[in-house]
Amino acid sequence: MKKKQLTPEQNETLLKILKIRFEKNMNRHKGLIWDTIQTKLEAQPEKLWSLHEMEQTEGEPDVIDYNKKADEYIFCDCSPESPKRRSLCYDYAAWEARKANKPESNVIDKASEMGIELLSEEQYRQLQELGKFDQKTSSWVKTPAPIRELGGAIFCDRRYNTVFMYHNGADSYYAARGFRGILKV
């Protein structure tokens, strides 16, 4: 089991990176104040660990929303292209069903290991309102049960200045398809 806590030096480095990104991209979180977010992060070391995992895979996590009712800041992978957690089939059942050329892992288990949630199609489309993402790559998104039960899974990308949702067999995987995560703090 991986230790889900950072060293003081890793905490400091990560918080500096997140603050710089936050200040550079104010259009993603108008009206929010970094010091308040940092205080919440420092009180939840397991969330910092998850953000570190997102950063290590070049997800470039940033705050994209605030849920006032739940008092939660929403971090999301904001890298221009899908983070470097690619070549993964959708879930364990799809991974297990592959007879040959199994990928390293699957999206659902990888997200869980990182302590993050996979974006839904709706969340993916909301992210695309903040910028242009996945113009050369694509990202798996949460697949509705009826589609998954039939062996499929969905993914999204942005082409021709339009956000598209597509389908594939859940056991498929590609070097240019990864996934984006959400973390609530």
C-alpha atoms as a PDB file:
ATOM      1  CA  MET A   1       0.000   0.000   0.000  1.00  0.00           C
ATOM      2  CA  LYS A   2       1.355   3.366  -1.030  1.00  0.00           C
ATOM      3  CA  LYS A   3       1.880   5.906   1.732  1.00  0.00           C
ATOM      4  CA  LYS A   4      -0.677   8.628   1.042  1.00  0.00           C
ATOM      5  CA  GLN A   5       1.171  11.486   2.687  1.00  0.00           C
ATOM      6  CA  LEU A   6       3.737  13.903   1.357  1.00  0.00           C
ATOM      7  CA  THR A   7       6.911  15.096   3.003  1.00  0.00           C
ATOM      8  CA  PRO A   8       6.949  18.715   4.212  1.00  0.00           C
ATOM      9  CA  GLU A   9       9.180  19.594   1.232  1.00  0.00           C
ATOM     10  CA  GLN A  10       6.769  17.950  -1.236  1.00  0.00           C
ATOM     11  CA  ASN A  11       3.845  19.825   0.383  1.00  0.00           C
ATOM     12  CA  GLU A  12       5.650  23.137   0.076  1.00  0.00           C
ATOM     13  CA  THR A  13       6.650  22.536  -3.541  1.00  0.00           C
ATOM     14  CA  LEU A  14       3.167  21.392  -4.547  1.00  0.00           C
ATOM     15  CA  LEU A  15       1.439  24.325  -2.843  1.00  0.00           C
ATOM     16  CA  LYS A  16       3.758  26.761  -4.659  1.00  0.00           C
ATOM     17  CA  ILE A  17       2.968  25.115  -8.019  1.00  0.00           C
ATOM     18  CA  LEU A  18      -0.775  25.164  -7.331  1.00  0.00           C
ATOM     19  CA  LYS A  19      -0.700  28.812  -6.202  1.00  0.00           C
ATOM     20  CA  ILE A  20       1.198  29.916  -9.320  1.00  0.00           C
ATOM     21  CA  ARG A  21      -1.236  28.011 -11.562  1.00  0.00           C
ATOM     22  CA  PHE A  22      -4.214  29.431  -9.629  1.00  0.00           C
ATOM     23  CA  GLU A  23      -2.966  33.015 -10.051  1.00  0.00           C
ATOM     24  CA  LYS A  24      -2.117  32.471 -13.732  1.00  0.00           C
ATOM     25  CA  ASN A  25      -5.604  31.147 -14.590  1.00  0.00           C
ATOM     26  CA  MET A  26      -8.011  33.381 -12.669  1.00  0.00           C
ATOM     27  CA  ASN A  27     -10.656  32.928 -15.396  1.00  0.00           C
ATOM     28  CA  ARG A  28     -11.192  29.382 -14.059  1.00  0.00           C
ATOM     29  CA  HIS A  29     -12.131  30.512 -10.550  1.00  0.00           C
ATOM     30  CA  LYS A  30     -13.304  34.120 -10.450  1.00  0.00           C
ATOM     31  CA  GLY A  31     -13.907  35.447  -6.959  1.00  0.00           C
ATOM     32  CA  LEU A  32     -12.057  32.664  -5.153  1.00  0.00           C
ATOM     33  CA  ILE A  33      -9.127  33.378  -2.831  1.00  0.00           C
ATOM     34  CA  TRP A  34      -6.045  31.149  -2.807  1.00  0.00           C
ATOM     35  CA  ASP A  35      -5.252  31.563   0.924  1.00  0.00           C
ATOM     36  CA  THR A  36      -8.654  30.095   1.865  1.00  0.00           C
ATOM     37  CA  ILE A  37      -8.105  27.135  -0.467  1.00  0.00           C
ATOM     38  CA  GLN A  38      -4.565  26.557   0.822  1.00  0.00           C
ATOM     39  CA  THR A  39      -5.826  26.492   4.418  1.00  0.00           C
ATOM     40  CA  LYS A  40      -8.355  23.774   3.492  1.00  0.00           C
ATOM     41  CA  LEU A  41      -5.661  21.813   1.653  1.00  0.00           C
ATOM     42  CA  GLU A  42      -3.231  21.959   4.554  1.00  0.00           C
ATOM     43  CA  ALA A  43      -5.923  20.518   6.832  1.00  0.00           C
ATOM     44  CA  GLN A  44      -6.421  17.539   4.481  1.00  0.00           C
ATOM     45  CA  PRO A  45      -3.056  15.886   3.725  1.00  0.00           C
ATOM     46  CA  GLU A  46      -4.728  13.036   1.812  1.00  0.00           C
ATOM     47  CA  LYS A  47      -6.140  15.603  -0.650  1.00  0.00           C
ATOM     48  CA  LEU A  48      -2.675  17.093  -1.115  1.00  0.00           C
ATOM     49  CA  TRP A  49      -1.408  13.577  -1.836  1.00  0.00           C
ATOM     50  CA  SER A  50      -4.085  13.134  -4.532  1.00  0.00           C
ATOM     51  CA  LEU A  51      -3.216  16.512  -6.072  1.00  0.00           C
ATOM     52  CA  HIS A  52       0.442  15.452  -6.048  1.00  0.00           C
ATOM     53  CA  GLU A  53      -0.511  12.289  -7.950  1.00  0.00           C
ATOM     54  CA  MET A  54      -2.419  14.420 -10.478  1.00  0.00           C
ATOM     55  CA  GLU A  55       0.594  16.716 -10.840  1.00  0.00           C
ATOM     56  CA  GLN A  56       3.051  13.810 -11.191  1.00  0.00           C
ATOM     57  CA  THR A  57       1.086  12.548 -14.195  1.00  0.00           C
ATOM     58  CA  GLU A  58       1.123  16.040 -15.750  1.00  0.00           C
ATOM     59  CA  GLY A  59      -2.557  16.678 -15.076  1.00  0.00           C
ATOM     60  CA  GLU A  60      -1.904  20.294 -14.033  1.00  0.00           C
ATOM     61  CA  PRO A  61      -4.701  20.342 -11.418  1.00  0.00           C
ATOM     62  CA  ASP A  62      -6.413  23.666 -10.784  1.00  0.00           C
ATOM     63  CA  VAL A  63      -9.536  24.927  -9.027  1.00  0.00           C
ATOM     64  CA  ILE A  64     -12.437  25.124 -11.473  1.00  0.00           C
ATOM     65  CA  ASP A  65     -15.438  25.569  -9.168  1.00  0.00           C
ATOM     66  CA  TYR A  66     -16.661  26.069  -5.621  1.00  0.00           C
ATOM     67  CA  ASN A  67     -19.713  24.282  -4.204  1.00  0.00           C
ATOM     68  CA  LYS A  68     -20.954  26.770  -1.628  1.00  0.00           C
ATOM     69  CA  LYS A  69     -23.553  24.408  -0.154  1.00  0.00           C
ATOM     70  CA  ALA A  70     -20.982  21.667   0.510  1.00  0.00           C
ATOM     71  CA  ASP A  71     -18.137  24.150   1.115  1.00  0.00           C
ATOM     72  CA  GLU A  72     -15.975  22.253  -1.381  1.00  0.00           C
ATOM     73  CA  TYR A  73     -13.424  23.525  -3.860  1.00  0.00           C
ATOM     74  CA  ILE A  74     -13.348  21.482  -7.045  1.00  0.00           C
ATOM     75  CA  PHE A  75      -9.940  20.721  -8.548  1.00  0.00           C
ATOM     76  CA  CYS A  76      -9.682  19.233 -12.036  1.00  0.00           C
ATOM     77  CA  ASP A  77      -6.925  18.144 -14.402  1.00  0.00           C
ATOM     78  CA  CYS A  78      -6.457  21.217 -16.611  1.00  0.00           C
ATOM     79  CA  SER A  79      -3.539  20.101 -18.780  1.00  0.00           C
ATOM     80  CA  PRO A  80      -4.046  21.072 -22.434  1.00  0.00           C
ATOM     81  CA  GLU A  81      -3.947  17.401 -23.478  1.00  0.00           C
ATOM     82  CA  SER A  82      -5.029  14.308 -21.573  1.00  0.00           C
ATOM     83  CA  PRO A  83      -2.712  13.675 -18.595  1.00  0.00           C
ATOM     84  CA  LYS A  84       0.109  11.130 -18.885  1.00  0.00           C
ATOM     85  CA  ARG A  85      -2.031   8.294 -17.561  1.00  0.00           C
ATOM     86  CA  ARG A  86      -2.931   6.776 -20.890  1.00  0.00           C
ATOM     87  CA  SER A  87      -3.139   3.430 -22.674  1.00  0.00           C
ATOM     88  CA  LEU A  88      -5.673   2.196 -20.118  1.00  0.00           C
ATOM     89  CA  CYS A  89      -8.909   0.352 -20.789  1.00  0.00           C
ATOM     90  CA  TYR A  90     -12.039   1.575 -19.019  1.00  0.00           C
ATOM     91  CA  ASP A  91     -12.476  -0.712 -15.999  1.00  0.00           C
ATOM     92  CA  TYR A  92     -11.281  -3.939 -14.406  1.00  0.00           C
ATOM     93  CA  ALA A  93     -13.924  -6.096 -16.115  1.00  0.00           C
ATOM     94  CA  ALA A  94     -12.780  -4.791 -19.512  1.00  0.00           C
ATOM     95  CA  TRP A  95      -9.119  -5.297 -18.573  1.00  0.00           C
ATOM     96  CA  GLU A  96      -9.801  -8.830 -17.383  1.00  0.00           C
ATOM     97  CA  ALA A  97     -11.754  -9.669 -20.576  1.00  0.00           C
ATOM     98  CA  ARG A  98      -8.792  -8.850 -22.820  1.00  0.00           C
ATOM     99  CA  LYS A  99      -7.202 -12.057 -24.045  1.00  0.00           C
ATOM    100  CA  ALA A 100      -4.008 -10.482 -25.398  1.00  0.00           C
ATOM    101  CA  ASN A 101      -2.034  -7.257 -25.105  1.00  0.00           C
ATOM    102  CA  LYS A 102      -3.493  -6.230 -21.766  1.00  0.00           C
ATOM    103  CA  PRO A 103      -2.660  -2.647 -20.779  1.00  0.00           C
ATOM    104  CA  GLU A 104      -0.967  -1.844 -17.488  1.00  0.00           C
ATOM    105  CA  SER A 105      -4.255  -1.068 -15.734  1.00  0.00           C
ATOM    106  CA  ASN A 106      -7.636   0.562 -16.165  1.00  0.00           C
ATOM    107  CA  VAL A 107      -9.070   4.026 -15.677  1.00  0.00           C
ATOM    108  CA  ILE A 108     -11.496   3.285 -12.840  1.00  0.00           C
ATOM    109  CA  ASP A 109      -8.907   1.554 -10.657  1.00  0.00           C
ATOM    110  CA  LYS A 110      -6.203   4.139 -11.447  1.00  0.00           C
ATOM    111  CA  ALA A 111      -8.522   7.032 -10.473  1.00  0.00           C
ATOM    112  CA  SER A 112      -9.470   5.241  -7.262  1.00  0.00           C
ATOM    113  CA  GLU A 113      -5.798   4.620  -6.396  1.00  0.00           C
ATOM    114  CA  MET A 114      -5.164   8.337  -6.878  1.00  0.00           C
ATOM    115  CA  GLY A 115      -8.136   9.319  -4.684  1.00  0.00           C
ATOM    116  CA  ILE A 116      -9.899  11.173  -7.508  1.00  0.00           C
ATOM    117  CA  GLU A 117     -13.112  10.748  -9.474  1.00  0.00           C
ATOM    118  CA  LEU A 118     -13.454  10.356 -13.221  1.00  0.00           C
ATOM    119  CA  LEU A 119     -15.229  13.286 -14.910  1.00  0.00           C
ATOM    120  CA  SER A 120     -18.764  12.778 -16.151  1.00  0.00           C
ATOM    121  CA  GLU A 121     -19.630  13.910 -19.662  1.00  0.00           C
ATOM    122  CA  GLU A 122     -21.356  16.964 -18.153  1.00  0.00           C
ATOM    123  CA  GLN A 123     -18.285  17.879 -16.072  1.00  0.00           C
ATOM    124  CA  TYR A 124     -16.078  17.400 -19.130  1.00  0.00           C
ATOM    125  CA  ARG A 125     -18.249  19.806 -21.135  1.00  0.00           C
ATOM    126  CA  GLN A 126     -18.136  22.329 -18.262  1.00  0.00           C
ATOM    127  CA  LEU A 127     -14.339  22.091 -18.216  1.00  0.00           C
ATOM    128  CA  GLN A 128     -14.281  22.819 -21.950  1.00  0.00           C
ATOM    129  CA  GLU A 129     -16.064  26.119 -21.244  1.00  0.00           C
ATOM    130  CA  LEU A 130     -12.913  27.239 -19.370  1.00  0.00           C
ATOM    131  CA  GLY A 131     -10.501  26.572 -22.229  1.00  0.00           C
ATOM    132  CA  LYS A 132      -9.640  24.262 -25.090  1.00  0.00           C
ATOM    133  CA  PHE A 133      -8.643  20.807 -23.875  1.00  0.00           C
ATOM    134  CA  ASP A 134      -7.905  17.508 -25.652  1.00  0.00           C
ATOM    135  CA  GLN A 135      -7.441  18.948 -29.126  1.00  0.00           C
ATOM    136  CA  LYS A 136      -5.007  16.112 -29.992  1.00  0.00           C
ATOM    137  CA  THR A 137      -5.899  13.540 -27.332  1.00  0.00           C
ATOM    138  CA  SER A 138      -9.110  12.208 -25.781  1.00  0.00           C
ATOM    139  CA  SER A 139     -10.286  11.370 -22.266  1.00  0.00           C
ATOM    140  CA  TRP A 140     -12.444   8.545 -20.932  1.00  0.00           C
ATOM    141  CA  VAL A 141     -15.459   9.839 -18.957  1.00  0.00           C
ATOM    142  CA  LYS A 142     -17.904   8.126 -16.573  1.00  0.00           C
ATOM    143  CA  THR A 143     -19.967   5.732 -18.623  1.00  0.00           C
ATOM    144  CA  PRO A 144     -23.675   5.273 -17.894  1.00  0.00           C
ATOM    145  CA  ALA A 145     -24.492   1.743 -16.667  1.00  0.00           C
ATOM    146  CA  PRO A 146     -26.695   0.802 -19.670  1.00  0.00           C
ATOM    147  CA  ILE A 147     -23.806   1.502 -22.075  1.00  0.00           C
ATOM    148  CA  ARG A 148     -21.267  -0.259 -19.887  1.00  0.00           C
ATOM    149  CA  GLU A 149     -23.532  -3.322 -19.487  1.00  0.00           C
ATOM    150  CA  LEU A 150     -23.455  -3.702 -23.274  1.00  0.00           C
ATOM    151  CA  GLY A 151     -19.645  -3.658 -23.313  1.00  0.00           C
ATOM    152  CA  GLY A 152     -19.139  -0.022 -24.246  1.00  0.00           C
ATOM    153  CA  ALA A 153     -17.565   3.015 -22.658  1.00  0.00           C
ATOM    154  CA  ILE A 154     -17.550   6.691 -23.628  1.00  0.00           C
ATOM    155  CA  PHE A 155     -14.836   9.256 -24.113  1.00  0.00           C
ATOM    156  CA  CYS A 156     -14.697  12.893 -25.171  1.00  0.00           C
ATOM    157  CA  ASP A 157     -12.407  15.282 -26.988  1.00  0.00           C
ATOM    158  CA  ARG A 158     -12.414  18.648 -28.726  1.00  0.00           C
ATOM    159  CA  ARG A 159     -12.111  18.855 -32.500  1.00  0.00           C
ATOM    160  CA  TYR A 160     -13.172  21.557 -34.948  1.00  0.00           C
ATOM    161  CA  ASN A 161     -13.896  23.855 -31.981  1.00  0.00           C
ATOM    162  CA  THR A 162     -16.599  21.414 -30.840  1.00  0.00           C
ATOM    163  CA  VAL A 163     -16.713  18.989 -27.906  1.00  0.00           C
ATOM    164  CA  PHE A 164     -17.555  15.467 -29.058  1.00  0.00           C
ATOM    165  CA  MET A 165     -18.633  12.390 -27.110  1.00  0.00           C
ATOM    166  CA  TYR A 166     -17.866   8.999 -28.661  1.00  0.00           C
ATOM    167  CA  HIS A 167     -17.999   5.329 -27.761  1.00  0.00           C
ATOM    168  CA  ASN A 168     -15.591   2.404 -27.875  1.00  0.00           C
ATOM    169  CA  GLY A 169     -15.426  -1.071 -26.465  1.00  0.00           C
ATOM    170  CA  ALA A 170     -14.488  -0.686 -22.798  1.00  0.00           C
ATOM    171  CA  ASP A 171     -11.530  -3.003 -23.380  1.00  0.00           C
ATOM    172  CA  SER A 172      -9.947  -0.716 -25.972  1.00  0.00           C
ATOM    173  CA  TYR A 173      -7.003   1.525 -25.156  1.00  0.00           C
ATOM    174  CA  TYR A 174      -4.927   4.042 -27.067  1.00  0.00           C
ATOM    175  CA  ALA A 175      -1.706   5.945 -26.499  1.00  0.00           C
ATOM    176  CA  ALA A 176      -3.571   9.233 -26.977  1.00  0.00           C
ATOM    177  CA  ARG A 177      -6.487   8.455 -24.630  1.00  0.00           C
ATOM    178  CA  GLY A 178      -6.247   9.001 -20.903  1.00  0.00           C
ATOM    179  CA  PHE A 179      -8.589  10.397 -18.303  1.00  0.00           C
ATOM    180  CA  ARG A 180      -9.155  13.573 -16.338  1.00  0.00           C
ATOM    181  CA  GLY A 181      -9.993  13.596 -12.660  1.00  0.00           C
ATOM    182  CA  ILE A 182     -11.942  15.716 -10.212  1.00  0.00           C
ATOM    183  CA  LEU A 183     -10.994  16.198  -6.563  1.00  0.00           C
ATOM    184  CA  LYS A 184     -13.308  17.852  -4.034  1.00  0.00           C
ATOM    185  CA  VAL A 185     -11.575  19.667  -1.162  1.00  0.00           C
END
